[in-house]
C-alpha atoms as a PDB file:
ATOM      1  CA  UNK A   1      11.854 -12.620  -8.160  1.00  0.00           C
ATOM      2  CA  UNK A   2      11.411 -13.448  -4.487  1.00  0.00           C
ATOM      3  CA  UNK A   3      13.978 -10.913  -3.491  1.00  0.00           C
ATOM      4  CA  UNK A   4      12.100  -7.900  -4.996  1.00  0.00           C
ATOM      5  CA  UNK A   5       8.836  -8.975  -3.377  1.00  0.00           C
ATOM      6  CA  UNK A   6      10.428  -9.204   0.021  1.00  0.00           C
ATOM      7  CA  UNK A   7      12.099  -5.879  -0.558  1.00  0.00           C
ATOM      8  CA  UNK A   8       8.712  -4.272  -0.947  1.00  0.00           C
ATOM      9  CA  UNK A   9       7.449  -5.989   2.174  1.00  0.00           C
ATOM     10  CA  UNK A  10      10.519  -5.137   4.200  1.00  0.00           C
ATOM     11  CA  UNK A  11      10.115  -1.434   3.270  1.00  0.00           C
ATOM     12  CA  UNK A  12       6.494  -1.636   4.338  1.00  0.00           C
ATOM     13  CA  UNK A  13       7.702  -3.081   7.661  1.00  0.00           C
ATOM     14  CA  UNK A  14      10.379  -0.380   8.155  1.00  0.00           C
ATOM     15  CA  UNK A  15       7.822   2.385   7.260  1.00  0.00           C
ATOM     16  CA  UNK A  16       5.439   0.836   9.872  1.00  0.00           C
ATOM     17  CA  UNK A  17       8.095   0.776  12.569  1.00  0.00           C
ATOM     18  CA  UNK A  18       8.830   4.420  11.699  1.00  0.00           C
ATOM     19  CA  UNK A  19       5.217   5.211  12.270  1.00  0.00           C
ATOM     20  CA  UNK A  20       4.731   6.106   8.628  1.00  0.00           C
ATOM     21  CA  UNK A  21       1.922   3.776   7.609  1.00  0.00           C
ATOM     22  CA  UNK A  22      -1.777   3.426   8.376  1.00  0.00           C
ATOM     23  CA  UNK A  23      -3.841   0.333   7.549  1.00  0.00           C
ATOM     24  CA  UNK A  24      -7.396  -0.756   7.300  1.00  0.00           C
ATOM     25  CA  UNK A  25     -10.104   0.744   5.140  1.00  0.00           C
ATOM     26  CA  UNK A  26     -11.140   3.602   7.375  1.00  0.00           C
ATOM     27  CA  UNK A  27      -7.692   4.876   8.245  1.00  0.00           C
ATOM     28  CA  UNK A  28      -6.301   4.424   4.653  1.00  0.00           C
ATOM     29  CA  UNK A  29      -9.360   6.468   3.281  1.00  0.00           C
ATOM     30  CA  UNK A  30      -8.778   9.157   5.989  1.00  0.00           C
ATOM     31  CA  UNK A  31      -5.210   9.690   5.052  1.00  0.00           C
ATOM     32  CA  UNK A  32      -5.915   9.817   1.396  1.00  0.00           C
ATOM     33  CA  UNK A  33      -8.620  12.376   1.808  1.00  0.00           C
ATOM     34  CA  UNK A  34      -6.370  14.411   4.148  1.00  0.00           C
ATOM     35  CA  UNK A  35      -3.663  14.563   1.557  1.00  0.00           C
ATOM     36  CA  UNK A  36      -1.094  12.738   3.736  1.00  0.00           C
ATOM     37  CA  UNK A  37      -0.954   9.451   1.851  1.00  0.00           C
ATOM     38  CA  UNK A  38       2.000   9.213  -0.443  1.00  0.00           C
ATOM     39  CA  UNK A  39       1.128   5.640  -1.705  1.00  0.00           C
ATOM     40  CA  UNK A  40      -1.688   3.234  -1.303  1.00  0.00           C
ATOM     41  CA  UNK A  41      -1.307  -0.525  -1.477  1.00  0.00           C
ATOM     42  CA  UNK A  42      -4.426  -2.799  -1.728  1.00  0.00           C
ATOM     43  CA  UNK A  43      -4.249  -6.530  -1.425  1.00  0.00           C
ATOM     44  CA  UNK A  44      -4.899  -8.483  -4.702  1.00  0.00           C
ATOM     45  CA  UNK A  45      -7.440 -10.559  -2.808  1.00  0.00           C
ATOM     46  CA  UNK A  46      -9.483  -7.571  -1.510  1.00  0.00           C
ATOM     47  CA  UNK A  47     -13.086  -7.486  -2.639  1.00  0.00           C
ATOM     48  CA  UNK A  48     -13.826  -5.936  -6.020  1.00  0.00           C
ATOM     49  CA  UNK A  49     -15.821  -3.301  -4.165  1.00  0.00           C
ATOM     50  CA  UNK A  50     -12.823  -2.351  -2.074  1.00  0.00           C
ATOM     51  CA  UNK A  51     -10.510  -2.232  -5.054  1.00  0.00           C
ATOM     52  CA  UNK A  52     -12.908  -0.087  -6.978  1.00  0.00           C
ATOM     53  CA  UNK A  53     -13.381   2.256  -4.053  1.00  0.00           C
ATOM     54  CA  UNK A  54      -9.758   2.852  -3.541  1.00  0.00           C
ATOM     55  CA  UNK A  55      -8.935   3.048  -7.250  1.00  0.00           C
ATOM     56  CA  UNK A  56     -11.523   5.772  -7.761  1.00  0.00           C
ATOM     57  CA  UNK A  57     -10.519   7.587  -4.548  1.00  0.00           C
ATOM     58  CA  UNK A  58      -6.763   7.529  -5.351  1.00  0.00           C
ATOM     59  CA  UNK A  59      -7.422   8.656  -8.918  1.00  0.00           C
ATOM     60  CA  UNK A  60      -9.478  11.607  -7.677  1.00  0.00           C
ATOM     61  CA  UNK A  61      -6.939  12.621  -4.944  1.00  0.00           C
ATOM     62  CA  UNK A  62      -3.892  11.823  -7.313  1.00  0.00           C
ATOM     63  CA  UNK A  63      -2.399   9.251  -5.039  1.00  0.00           C
ATOM     64  CA  UNK A  64      -0.445   6.322  -6.511  1.00  0.00           C
ATOM     65  CA  UNK A  65      -2.107   2.937  -5.954  1.00  0.00           C
ATOM     66  CA  UNK A  66      -0.824  -0.549  -6.380  1.00  0.00           C
ATOM     67  CA  UNK A  67      -2.418  -3.956  -5.991  1.00  0.00           C
ATOM     68  CA  UNK A  68      -0.009  -6.336  -4.383  1.00  0.00           C
ATOM     69  CA  UNK A  69       0.048  -9.871  -2.968  1.00  0.00           C
ATOM     70  CA  UNK A  70      -2.628 -10.875  -0.432  1.00  0.00           C
ATOM     71  CA  UNK A  71      -4.229  -9.524   2.738  1.00  0.00           C
ATOM     72  CA  UNK A  72      -2.244 -11.980   4.900  1.00  0.00           C
ATOM     73  CA  UNK A  73       1.113 -10.984   3.398  1.00  0.00           C
ATOM     74  CA  UNK A  74       0.401  -7.230   3.743  1.00  0.00           C
ATOM     75  CA  UNK A  75      -0.728  -7.652   7.343  1.00  0.00           C
ATOM     76  CA  UNK A  76       2.307  -9.774   8.135  1.00  0.00           C
ATOM     77  CA  UNK A  77       4.586  -7.153   6.624  1.00  0.00           C
ATOM     78  CA  UNK A  78       3.118  -4.679   9.148  1.00  0.00           C
ATOM     79  CA  UNK A  79       3.335  -7.127  12.080  1.00  0.00           C
ATOM     80  CA  UNK A  80      -0.460  -7.215  12.185  1.00  0.00           C
ATOM     81  CA  UNK A  81      -3.381  -9.368  11.313  1.00  0.00           C
ATOM     82  CA  UNK A  82      -4.463  -9.425   7.642  1.00  0.00           C
ATOM     83  CA  UNK A  83      -4.896  -5.994   5.920  1.00  0.00           C
ATOM     84  CA  UNK A  84      -6.714  -5.346   2.701  1.00  0.00           C
ATOM     85  CA  UNK A  85      -5.324  -1.828   2.466  1.00  0.00           C
ATOM     86  CA  UNK A  86      -2.588   0.401   3.769  1.00  0.00           C
ATOM     87  CA  UNK A  87      -1.171   3.859   3.156  1.00  0.00           C
ATOM     88  CA  UNK A  88       2.403   4.980   3.239  1.00  0.00           C
ATOM     89  CA  UNK A  89       2.668   8.422   4.653  1.00  0.00           C
ATOM     90  CA  UNK A  90       6.239   9.213   3.882  1.00  0.00           C
ATOM     91  CA  UNK A  91       7.474  10.357   0.537  1.00  0.00           C
ATOM     92  CA  UNK A  92      10.854   8.584   0.860  1.00  0.00           C
ATOM     93  CA  UNK A  93       9.381   5.155   1.780  1.00  0.00           C
ATOM     94  CA  UNK A  94       6.671   5.584  -0.866  1.00  0.00           C
ATOM     95  CA  UNK A  95       9.406   6.212  -3.582  1.00  0.00           C
ATOM     96  CA  UNK A  96      11.465   3.208  -2.433  1.00  0.00           C
ATOM     97  CA  UNK A  97       8.477   0.902  -2.493  1.00  0.00           C
ATOM     98  CA  UNK A  98       7.258   2.157  -5.813  1.00  0.00           C
ATOM     99  CA  UNK A  99      10.713   1.560  -7.353  1.00  0.00           C
ATOM    100  CA  UNK A 100      10.547  -2.070  -6.227  1.00  0.00           C
ATOM    101  CA  UNK A 101       6.930  -2.568  -7.313  1.00  0.00           C
ATOM    102  CA  UNK A 102       7.723  -1.180 -10.699  1.00  0.00           C
ATOM    103  CA  UNK A 103      10.821  -3.362 -11.321  1.00  0.00           C
ATOM    104  CA  UNK A 104       8.532  -6.276 -10.536  1.00  0.00           C
ATOM    105  CA  UNK A 105       6.521  -5.080 -13.576  1.00  0.00           C
ATOM    106  CA  UNK A 106       3.421  -4.299 -11.556  1.00  0.00           C
ATOM    107  CA  UNK A 107       1.057  -1.909 -13.068  1.00  0.00           C
ATOM    108  CA  UNK A 108      -0.303   1.276 -11.713  1.00  0.00           C
ATOM    109  CA  UNK A 109      -4.104   1.291 -11.784  1.00  0.00           C
END
């Protein structure tokens, strides 16, 4: 179980190093609306307001969204302080991350 989780986080880290992620509410929202976000990940411990905002936005713009781990873990995976939301801007990374999120039996909102 631990392996799958760290696979997701290491892919997030790789995507970040490749310059294929944005994080933080403002940047994530901007990329979803511009059509460049291939996947959005929101921390499980983000506020209900934040979760609802991104769930609705991603549904409207047809972007897959997952709720995963916590702000600290997501931030750490990106080599930053805690992050409540992030967007993956590369289809390849997004596909790989989704594959691992789905094997962990996570649900798409």
